[in-house]
Amino acid sequence: MNADNMNAQSQLVPPEGDTWIALSNEPLPLSLAMEWAVHPRCGAVVSFSGTVRDHSDGRPDVQLLEYEAYEEFVVPKFSEIVETARKQWSQLHKVVVLHRVGKMTVTESSVFIVVSAEHRGAAFEAAKFCIDALKTLAPIWKKEQWSGGSDWGSDSHEIVSLEEL
């Protein structure tokens, strides 16, 4: 893990560098992350907020999600994702990857990605890459609670490496 990411597990405060990675049980600071990503060299800031919705396949009336993560592996995976994005899109400036763990109600943000770049194309593509890679690579599990009961999310999959994407 590089210096930008030290103690990332609980840091919901913007770092000195150009990469902000965190895994936290606190609400994600969406506005702060957007403001932090703005830079004079960049004409584009793209964000993605994954929010808790009120339904899932075969599970109407979802009321609560609970995320668990294998912390020791998640933050290094986030770093790997950001490093790969920076190699693929050289005009990226600031990148934010924040994920929440613990219990969340409908409409709360569970994951937030922000990318600033010189041009919108790179910002959009890099933001999409970051969320898609996170969903595929990071050992994070979701438990859903709905009117008919509770169980782990129905979209489980094998964890793969970046090379396998």
N, C-alpha and C. Protein backbone atom coordinates (compact mmCIF):
# COMPACT_ATOMS: atom_id res chain seq x y z
N MET A 1 0.85 -1.17 0.00
CA MET A 1 0.00 0.00 0.00
C MET A 1 0.90 1.24 0.00
N ASN A 2 0.60 2.23 -0.84
CA ASN A 2 1.45 3.43 -0.89
C ASN A 2 1.06 4.42 0.20
N ALA A 3 1.85 5.47 0.32
CA ALA A 3 1.65 6.44 1.41
C ALA A 3 0.28 7.11 1.35
N ASP A 4 -0.27 7.30 0.14
CA ASP A 4 -1.59 7.91 0.02
C ASP A 4 -2.65 7.08 0.72
N ASN A 5 -2.42 5.78 0.83
CA ASN A 5 -3.46 4.88 1.30
C ASN A 5 -3.24 4.38 2.72
N MET A 6 -2.23 4.85 3.42
CA MET A 6 -1.97 4.38 4.77
C MET A 6 -3.17 4.65 5.66
N ASN A 7 -3.51 3.69 6.50
CA ASN A 7 -4.65 3.79 7.41
C ASN A 7 -5.95 4.09 6.69
N ALA A 8 -6.07 3.57 5.48
CA ALA A 8 -7.24 3.87 4.66
C ALA A 8 -8.53 3.31 5.23
N GLN A 9 -8.46 2.25 6.03
CA GLN A 9 -9.66 1.59 6.50
C GLN A 9 -10.62 2.53 7.22
N SER A 10 -10.13 3.50 7.90
CA SER A 10 -11.03 4.35 8.68
C SER A 10 -10.92 5.83 8.32
N GLN A 11 -10.22 6.16 7.28
CA GLN A 11 -9.97 7.56 6.95
C GLN A 11 -11.03 8.13 6.01
N LEU A 12 -11.97 8.83 6.56
CA LEU A 12 -12.96 9.52 5.75
C LEU A 12 -12.62 11.01 5.71
N VAL A 13 -11.33 11.28 5.74
CA VAL A 13 -10.79 12.63 5.62
C VAL A 13 -9.90 12.64 4.38
N PRO A 14 -10.02 13.66 3.54
CA PRO A 14 -9.20 13.67 2.32
C PRO A 14 -7.70 13.60 2.63
N PRO A 15 -6.98 12.79 1.88
CA PRO A 15 -5.53 12.66 2.08
C PRO A 15 -4.76 13.77 1.38
N GLU A 16 -3.46 13.81 1.61
CA GLU A 16 -2.59 14.78 0.94
C GLU A 16 -2.40 14.45 -0.54
N GLY A 17 -2.36 13.18 -0.91
CA GLY A 17 -2.07 12.76 -2.28
C GLY A 17 -3.27 12.87 -3.20
N ASP A 18 -3.20 12.12 -4.31
CA ASP A 18 -4.24 12.16 -5.34
C ASP A 18 -5.15 10.94 -5.32
N THR A 19 -5.01 10.08 -4.32
CA THR A 19 -5.84 8.89 -4.21
C THR A 19 -6.44 8.84 -2.80
N TRP A 20 -7.76 8.70 -2.75
CA TRP A 20 -8.46 8.61 -1.47
C TRP A 20 -9.22 7.29 -1.45
N ILE A 21 -8.76 6.39 -0.62
CA ILE A 21 -9.35 5.07 -0.48
C ILE A 21 -9.75 4.88 0.97
N ALA A 22 -10.96 4.35 1.18
CA ALA A 22 -11.39 4.09 2.56
C ALA A 22 -12.46 3.02 2.60
N LEU A 23 -12.44 2.30 3.70
CA LEU A 23 -13.48 1.34 4.05
C LEU A 23 -13.90 1.76 5.45
N SER A 24 -15.19 2.08 5.63
CA SER A 24 -15.62 2.64 6.90
C SER A 24 -17.03 2.22 7.26
N ASN A 25 -17.33 2.23 8.55
CA ASN A 25 -18.71 1.97 8.98
C ASN A 25 -19.49 3.28 9.18
N GLU A 26 -18.88 4.39 8.83
CA GLU A 26 -19.53 5.70 8.92
C GLU A 26 -20.16 6.06 7.57
N PRO A 27 -21.19 6.93 7.56
CA PRO A 27 -21.73 7.41 6.28
C PRO A 27 -20.63 8.03 5.42
N LEU A 28 -20.71 7.79 4.11
CA LEU A 28 -19.68 8.27 3.20
C LEU A 28 -19.84 9.77 2.94
N PRO A 29 -18.74 10.52 2.95
CA PRO A 29 -18.79 11.98 2.75
C PRO A 29 -18.84 12.34 1.26
N LEU A 30 -20.01 12.18 0.65
CA LEU A 30 -20.15 12.34 -0.80
C LEU A 30 -19.76 13.74 -1.28
N SER A 31 -20.30 14.76 -0.68
CA SER A 31 -20.00 16.13 -1.11
C SER A 31 -18.53 16.46 -0.93
N LEU A 32 -17.96 16.07 0.19
CA LEU A 32 -16.55 16.32 0.46
C LEU A 32 -15.67 15.63 -0.57
N ALA A 33 -16.01 14.39 -0.92
CA ALA A 33 -15.22 13.66 -1.91
C ALA A 33 -15.31 14.32 -3.28
N MET A 34 -16.49 14.79 -3.66
CA MET A 34 -16.64 15.49 -4.94
C MET A 34 -15.80 16.77 -4.95
N GLU A 35 -15.88 17.54 -3.89
CA GLU A 35 -15.10 18.79 -3.81
C GLU A 35 -13.61 18.50 -3.85
N TRP A 36 -13.16 17.46 -3.16
CA TRP A 36 -11.75 17.11 -3.10
C TRP A 36 -11.21 16.72 -4.48
N ALA A 37 -12.05 16.10 -5.30
CA ALA A 37 -11.61 15.62 -6.60
C ALA A 37 -11.44 16.72 -7.64
N VAL A 38 -12.04 17.87 -7.42
CA VAL A 38 -11.92 18.98 -8.38
C VAL A 38 -10.48 19.48 -8.40
N HIS A 39 -9.97 19.70 -9.62
CA HIS A 39 -8.59 20.16 -9.77
C HIS A 39 -8.52 21.09 -10.99
N PRO A 40 -7.70 22.15 -10.94
CA PRO A 40 -7.62 23.10 -12.05
C PRO A 40 -7.22 22.48 -13.39
N ARG A 41 -6.48 21.39 -13.37
CA ARG A 41 -6.04 20.74 -14.62
C ARG A 41 -7.14 19.87 -15.22
N CYS A 42 -8.24 19.67 -14.50
CA CYS A 42 -9.25 18.71 -14.93
C CYS A 42 -10.53 19.41 -15.37
N GLY A 43 -11.03 18.97 -16.52
CA GLY A 43 -12.29 19.49 -17.03
C GLY A 43 -13.46 18.56 -16.76
N ALA A 44 -13.18 17.45 -16.07
CA ALA A 44 -14.25 16.48 -15.81
C ALA A 44 -14.08 15.87 -14.42
N VAL A 45 -15.19 15.79 -13.71
CA VAL A 45 -15.26 15.05 -12.45
C VAL A 45 -16.50 14.17 -12.57
N VAL A 46 -16.27 12.86 -12.54
CA VAL A 46 -17.36 11.90 -12.69
C VAL A 46 -17.48 11.11 -11.40
N SER A 47 -18.72 10.92 -10.95
CA SER A 47 -18.94 10.15 -9.72
C SER A 47 -19.97 9.06 -9.94
N PHE A 48 -19.86 8.03 -9.12
CA PHE A 48 -20.85 6.96 -9.07
C PHE A 48 -21.14 6.68 -7.60
N SER A 49 -22.41 6.72 -7.24
CA SER A 49 -22.82 6.39 -5.89
C SER A 49 -23.73 5.17 -5.96
N GLY A 50 -23.30 4.08 -5.35
CA GLY A 50 -24.13 2.89 -5.25
C GLY A 50 -24.99 3.02 -4.01
N THR A 51 -26.31 3.07 -4.20
CA THR A 51 -27.22 3.30 -3.07
C THR A 51 -28.06 2.06 -2.79
N VAL A 52 -28.50 1.95 -1.57
CA VAL A 52 -29.36 0.84 -1.15
C VAL A 52 -30.73 1.06 -1.76
N ARG A 53 -31.20 0.07 -2.50
CA ARG A 53 -32.54 0.19 -3.11
C ARG A 53 -33.53 -0.67 -2.34
N ASP A 54 -34.80 -0.46 -2.61
CA ASP A 54 -35.86 -1.11 -1.83
C ASP A 54 -36.29 -2.47 -2.35
N HIS A 55 -35.53 -3.05 -3.27
CA HIS A 55 -35.87 -4.38 -3.80
C HIS A 55 -34.62 -5.06 -4.34
N SER A 56 -34.74 -6.35 -4.55
CA SER A 56 -33.69 -7.15 -5.15
C SER A 56 -34.39 -8.30 -5.87
N ASP A 57 -33.70 -9.04 -6.71
CA ASP A 57 -34.32 -10.14 -7.44
C ASP A 57 -35.01 -11.10 -6.47
N GLY A 58 -36.33 -11.22 -6.59
CA GLY A 58 -37.10 -12.12 -5.75
C GLY A 58 -37.25 -11.67 -4.32
N ARG A 59 -36.81 -10.47 -4.03
CA ARG A 59 -36.86 -9.96 -2.66
C ARG A 59 -37.48 -8.56 -2.64
N PRO A 60 -38.80 -8.49 -2.63
CA PRO A 60 -39.44 -7.17 -2.59
C PRO A 60 -39.30 -6.57 -1.19
N ASP A 61 -39.44 -5.30 -1.11
CA ASP A 61 -39.49 -4.61 0.18
C ASP A 61 -38.19 -4.78 0.98
N VAL A 62 -37.05 -4.63 0.31
CA VAL A 62 -35.77 -4.64 1.04
C VAL A 62 -35.75 -3.42 1.95
N GLN A 63 -35.41 -3.64 3.22
CA GLN A 63 -35.42 -2.56 4.20
C GLN A 63 -34.03 -2.20 4.69
N LEU A 64 -33.11 -3.16 4.58
CA LEU A 64 -31.80 -2.97 5.18
C LEU A 64 -30.77 -3.82 4.46
N LEU A 65 -29.59 -3.28 4.28
CA LEU A 65 -28.45 -4.05 3.80
C LEU A 65 -27.38 -4.00 4.86
N GLU A 66 -26.62 -5.07 4.93
CA GLU A 66 -25.47 -5.10 5.82
C GLU A 66 -24.28 -5.62 5.02
N TYR A 67 -23.22 -4.82 4.97
CA TYR A 67 -22.01 -5.20 4.25
C TYR A 67 -20.94 -5.64 5.23
N GLU A 68 -20.25 -6.71 4.86
CA GLU A 68 -19.07 -7.17 5.57
C GLU A 68 -17.93 -7.23 4.57
N ALA A 69 -16.72 -6.99 5.05
CA ALA A 69 -15.57 -6.97 4.16
C ALA A 69 -14.37 -7.63 4.84
N TYR A 70 -13.54 -8.22 4.04
CA TYR A 70 -12.27 -8.78 4.50
C TYR A 70 -11.26 -7.65 4.39
N GLU A 71 -11.23 -6.82 5.42
CA GLU A 71 -10.51 -5.55 5.43
C GLU A 71 -9.06 -5.65 4.95
N GLU A 72 -8.35 -6.66 5.42
CA GLU A 72 -6.93 -6.78 5.08
C GLU A 72 -6.70 -6.96 3.59
N PHE A 73 -7.73 -7.44 2.86
CA PHE A 73 -7.60 -7.62 1.42
C PHE A 73 -8.30 -6.54 0.62
N VAL A 74 -9.34 -5.94 1.19
CA VAL A 74 -10.14 -4.97 0.45
C VAL A 74 -9.33 -3.72 0.10
N VAL A 75 -8.70 -3.11 1.07
CA VAL A 75 -7.99 -1.85 0.81
C VAL A 75 -6.84 -2.05 -0.19
N PRO A 76 -6.03 -3.09 -0.08
CA PRO A 76 -5.02 -3.33 -1.13
C PRO A 76 -5.65 -3.57 -2.51
N LYS A 77 -6.81 -4.21 -2.57
CA LYS A 77 -7.50 -4.40 -3.86
C LYS A 77 -7.93 -3.05 -4.41
N PHE A 78 -8.47 -2.18 -3.55
CA PHE A 78 -8.84 -0.84 -4.00
C PHE A 78 -7.61 -0.13 -4.58
N SER A 79 -6.48 -0.24 -3.91
CA SER A 79 -5.24 0.39 -4.39
C SER A 79 -4.84 -0.17 -5.75
N GLU A 80 -4.94 -1.46 -5.90
CA GLU A 80 -4.59 -2.12 -7.17
C GLU A 80 -5.51 -1.64 -8.29
N ILE A 81 -6.78 -1.50 -8.00
CA ILE A 81 -7.74 -1.01 -8.99
C ILE A 81 -7.38 0.40 -9.43
N VAL A 82 -7.08 1.28 -8.47
CA VAL A 82 -6.74 2.67 -8.80
C VAL A 82 -5.44 2.73 -9.60
N GLU A 83 -4.44 1.96 -9.20
CA GLU A 83 -3.17 1.94 -9.94
C GLU A 83 -3.38 1.47 -11.37
N THR A 84 -4.20 0.47 -11.56
CA THR A 84 -4.49 -0.03 -12.91
C THR A 84 -5.22 1.04 -13.72
N ALA A 85 -6.18 1.71 -13.12
CA ALA A 85 -6.91 2.79 -13.81
C ALA A 85 -5.94 3.90 -14.22
N ARG A 86 -5.03 4.26 -13.34
CA ARG A 86 -4.07 5.33 -13.66
C ARG A 86 -3.16 4.93 -14.81
N LYS A 87 -2.81 3.66 -14.91
CA LYS A 87 -1.98 3.19 -16.03
C LYS A 87 -2.76 3.22 -17.34
N GLN A 88 -4.03 2.86 -17.27
CA GLN A 88 -4.85 2.79 -18.47
C GLN A 88 -5.29 4.17 -18.96
N TRP A 89 -5.55 5.10 -18.04
CA TRP A 89 -5.97 6.45 -18.40
C TRP A 89 -4.99 7.44 -17.76
N SER A 90 -3.99 7.82 -18.50
CA SER A 90 -2.90 8.64 -17.95
C SER A 90 -3.34 10.05 -17.55
N GLN A 91 -4.47 10.52 -18.06
CA GLN A 91 -4.90 11.88 -17.72
C GLN A 91 -5.72 11.97 -16.43
N LEU A 92 -5.83 10.87 -15.69
CA LEU A 92 -6.54 10.93 -14.41
C LEU A 92 -5.75 11.77 -13.43
N HIS A 93 -6.47 12.50 -12.58
CA HIS A 93 -5.78 13.26 -11.55
C HIS A 93 -6.13 12.69 -10.17
N LYS A 94 -7.32 12.95 -9.70
CA LYS A 94 -7.71 12.44 -8.39
C LYS A 94 -8.71 11.29 -8.55
N VAL A 95 -8.55 10.29 -7.66
CA VAL A 95 -9.44 9.13 -7.68
C VAL A 95 -9.88 8.83 -6.25
N VAL A 96 -11.17 8.62 -6.09
CA VAL A 96 -11.76 8.30 -4.79
C VAL A 96 -12.45 6.94 -4.91
N VAL A 97 -12.15 6.05 -3.96
CA VAL A 97 -12.85 4.76 -3.84
C VAL A 97 -13.20 4.59 -2.36
N LEU A 98 -14.47 4.78 -2.05
CA LEU A 98 -14.94 4.67 -0.66
C LEU A 98 -16.02 3.59 -0.61
N HIS A 99 -15.96 2.73 0.40
CA HIS A 99 -17.00 1.72 0.57
C HIS A 99 -17.37 1.66 2.04
N ARG A 100 -18.63 1.48 2.26
CA ARG A 100 -19.14 1.42 3.62
C ARG A 100 -19.37 -0.03 4.03
N VAL A 101 -19.18 -0.32 5.30
CA VAL A 101 -19.53 -1.62 5.87
C VAL A 101 -20.51 -1.37 7.01
N GLY A 102 -21.18 -2.43 7.43
CA GLY A 102 -22.18 -2.29 8.47
C GLY A 102 -23.57 -2.20 7.88
N LYS A 103 -24.52 -1.75 8.70
CA LYS A 103 -25.92 -1.70 8.30
C LYS A 103 -26.28 -0.37 7.65
N MET A 104 -27.06 -0.46 6.56
CA MET A 104 -27.51 0.72 5.83
C MET A 104 -28.97 0.57 5.44
N THR A 105 -29.68 1.67 5.48
CA THR A 105 -31.10 1.66 5.09
C THR A 105 -31.23 2.14 3.64
N VAL A 106 -32.44 1.99 3.11
CA VAL A 106 -32.75 2.38 1.74
C VAL A 106 -32.35 3.83 1.50
N THR A 107 -31.74 4.08 0.39
CA THR A 107 -31.22 5.35 -0.15
C THR A 107 -29.84 5.74 0.36
N GLU A 108 -29.29 5.04 1.35
CA GLU A 108 -27.94 5.37 1.80
C GLU A 108 -26.92 4.89 0.78
N SER A 109 -25.83 5.61 0.66
CA SER A 109 -24.75 5.25 -0.26
C SER A 109 -23.83 4.22 0.38
N SER A 110 -23.64 3.11 -0.31
CA SER A 110 -22.75 2.06 0.20
C SER A 110 -21.37 2.11 -0.46
N VAL A 111 -21.30 2.67 -1.65
CA VAL A 111 -20.02 2.79 -2.36
C VAL A 111 -20.02 4.10 -3.14
N PHE A 112 -18.85 4.74 -3.18
CA PHE A 112 -18.75 6.02 -3.89
C PHE A 112 -17.42 6.06 -4.63
N ILE A 113 -17.50 6.29 -5.93
CA ILE A 113 -16.34 6.39 -6.80
C ILE A 113 -16.34 7.80 -7.40
N VAL A 114 -15.20 8.46 -7.39
CA VAL A 114 -15.06 9.76 -8.03
C VAL A 114 -13.74 9.76 -8.79
N VAL A 115 -13.78 10.26 -10.02
CA VAL A 115 -12.58 10.35 -10.84
C VAL A 115 -12.54 11.72 -11.48
N SER A 116 -11.40 12.40 -11.36
CA SER A 116 -11.22 13.65 -12.11
C SER A 116 -10.14 13.42 -13.16
N ALA A 117 -10.38 14.02 -14.33
CA ALA A 117 -9.46 13.86 -15.46
C ALA A 117 -9.54 15.10 -16.33
N GLU A 118 -8.58 15.21 -17.22
CA GLU A 118 -8.56 16.37 -18.13
C GLU A 118 -9.82 16.42 -19.00
N HIS A 119 -10.29 15.23 -19.44
CA HIS A 119 -11.42 15.17 -20.36
C HIS A 119 -12.45 14.16 -19.87
N ARG A 120 -13.72 14.36 -20.25
CA ARG A 120 -14.82 13.54 -19.75
C ARG A 120 -14.72 12.07 -20.15
N GLY A 121 -14.23 11.77 -21.35
CA GLY A 121 -14.15 10.38 -21.80
C GLY A 121 -13.34 9.52 -20.84
N ALA A 122 -12.16 9.99 -20.50
CA ALA A 122 -11.30 9.24 -19.57
C ALA A 122 -11.94 9.16 -18.19
N ALA A 123 -12.57 10.23 -17.75
CA ALA A 123 -13.19 10.23 -16.42
C ALA A 123 -14.34 9.22 -16.36
N PHE A 124 -15.21 9.22 -17.39
CA PHE A 124 -16.31 8.26 -17.41
C PHE A 124 -15.80 6.82 -17.47
N GLU A 125 -14.87 6.55 -18.37
CA GLU A 125 -14.35 5.19 -18.54
C GLU A 125 -13.64 4.70 -17.28
N ALA A 126 -12.85 5.55 -16.67
CA ALA A 126 -12.11 5.15 -15.47
C ALA A 126 -13.06 4.92 -14.30
N ALA A 127 -14.08 5.76 -14.14
CA ALA A 127 -15.05 5.57 -13.06
C ALA A 127 -15.79 4.25 -13.25
N LYS A 128 -16.20 3.94 -14.48
CA LYS A 128 -16.88 2.68 -14.75
C LYS A 128 -15.95 1.50 -14.48
N PHE A 129 -14.70 1.61 -14.90
CA PHE A 129 -13.74 0.55 -14.62
C PHE A 129 -13.59 0.33 -13.11
N CYS A 130 -13.47 1.41 -12.35
CA CYS A 130 -13.27 1.29 -10.90
C CYS A 130 -14.43 0.58 -10.22
N ILE A 131 -15.67 0.95 -10.52
CA ILE A 131 -16.79 0.29 -9.85
C ILE A 131 -16.94 -1.14 -10.33
N ASP A 132 -16.77 -1.39 -11.63
CA ASP A 132 -16.89 -2.76 -12.13
C ASP A 132 -15.81 -3.66 -11.54
N ALA A 133 -14.58 -3.16 -11.45
CA ALA A 133 -13.48 -3.94 -10.88
C ALA A 133 -13.71 -4.18 -9.38
N LEU A 134 -14.17 -3.16 -8.68
CA LEU A 134 -14.45 -3.31 -7.24
C LEU A 134 -15.48 -4.41 -7.02
N LYS A 135 -16.57 -4.40 -7.78
CA LYS A 135 -17.63 -5.39 -7.62
C LYS A 135 -17.13 -6.81 -7.92
N THR A 136 -16.14 -6.93 -8.79
CA THR A 136 -15.62 -8.24 -9.18
C THR A 136 -14.47 -8.71 -8.30
N LEU A 137 -13.63 -7.79 -7.82
CA LEU A 137 -12.38 -8.16 -7.16
C LEU A 137 -12.38 -8.09 -5.64
N ALA A 138 -13.17 -7.22 -5.08
CA ALA A 138 -13.08 -6.98 -3.63
C ALA A 138 -13.90 -7.98 -2.83
N PRO A 139 -13.31 -8.55 -1.78
CA PRO A 139 -14.05 -9.48 -0.93
C PRO A 139 -14.97 -8.73 0.04
N ILE A 140 -16.12 -8.33 -0.52
CA ILE A 140 -17.16 -7.60 0.24
C ILE A 140 -18.46 -8.37 0.04
N TRP A 141 -19.17 -8.62 1.15
CA TRP A 141 -20.40 -9.40 1.09
C TRP A 141 -21.57 -8.57 1.58
N LYS A 142 -22.73 -8.82 0.97
CA LYS A 142 -23.93 -8.05 1.26
C LYS A 142 -25.03 -8.98 1.78
N LYS A 143 -25.59 -8.63 2.93
CA LYS A 143 -26.74 -9.35 3.48
C LYS A 143 -27.96 -8.44 3.35
N GLU A 144 -29.03 -8.99 2.79
CA GLU A 144 -30.25 -8.22 2.59
C GLU A 144 -31.31 -8.62 3.61
N GLN A 145 -32.03 -7.62 4.10
CA GLN A 145 -33.17 -7.87 4.99
C GLN A 145 -34.40 -7.30 4.29
N TRP A 146 -35.43 -8.13 4.11
CA TRP A 146 -36.66 -7.71 3.47
C TRP A 146 -37.84 -8.26 4.25
N SER A 147 -39.04 -7.92 3.82
CA SER A 147 -40.23 -8.30 4.58
C SER A 147 -40.37 -9.81 4.75
N GLY A 148 -39.79 -10.61 3.86
CA GLY A 148 -39.91 -12.06 3.94
C GLY A 148 -38.76 -12.74 4.65
N GLY A 149 -37.78 -11.99 5.15
CA GLY A 149 -36.66 -12.60 5.86
C GLY A 149 -35.35 -11.87 5.59
N SER A 150 -34.24 -12.58 5.75
CA SER A 150 -32.93 -12.00 5.47
C SER A 150 -32.01 -13.10 4.97
N ASP A 151 -31.09 -12.71 4.12
CA ASP A 151 -30.12 -13.66 3.57
C ASP A 151 -29.03 -12.86 2.86
N TRP A 152 -27.95 -13.55 2.57
CA TRP A 152 -26.86 -12.92 1.84
C TRP A 152 -27.30 -12.63 0.43
N GLY A 153 -26.72 -11.59 -0.18
CA GLY A 153 -27.08 -11.15 -1.53
C GLY A 153 -27.07 -12.27 -2.53
N SER A 154 -27.90 -12.16 -3.55
CA SER A 154 -28.05 -13.21 -4.54
C SER A 154 -27.08 -13.08 -5.70
N ASP A 155 -26.21 -12.09 -5.67
CA ASP A 155 -25.29 -11.88 -6.79
C ASP A 155 -23.85 -12.29 -6.45
N SER A 156 -23.69 -13.35 -5.69
CA SER A 156 -22.34 -13.77 -5.30
C SER A 156 -21.57 -14.30 -6.51
N HIS A 157 -20.25 -14.22 -6.44
CA HIS A 157 -19.38 -14.67 -7.53
C HIS A 157 -17.99 -14.95 -6.99
N GLU A 158 -17.20 -15.63 -7.78
CA GLU A 158 -15.82 -15.88 -7.42
C GLU A 158 -15.02 -14.58 -7.46
N ILE A 159 -14.09 -14.40 -6.54
CA ILE A 159 -13.19 -13.25 -6.57
C ILE A 159 -12.12 -13.58 -7.61
N VAL A 160 -11.84 -12.67 -8.52
CA VAL A 160 -10.83 -12.88 -9.55
C VAL A 160 -9.75 -11.81 -9.44
N SER A 161 -8.71 -11.96 -10.23
CA SER A 161 -7.64 -10.97 -10.26
C SER A 161 -7.93 -9.96 -11.38
N LEU A 162 -7.23 -8.84 -11.36
CA LEU A 162 -7.40 -7.83 -12.40
C LEU A 162 -7.08 -8.39 -13.78
N GLU A 163 -6.14 -9.29 -13.86
CA GLU A 163 -5.75 -9.88 -15.14
C GLU A 163 -6.89 -10.70 -15.74
N GLU A 164 -7.79 -11.20 -14.90
CA GLU A 164 -8.89 -12.04 -15.38
C GLU A 164 -10.11 -11.24 -15.81
N LEU A 165 -10.11 -9.93 -15.58
CA LEU A 165 -11.27 -9.10 -15.98
C LEU A 165 -11.38 -9.00 -17.48
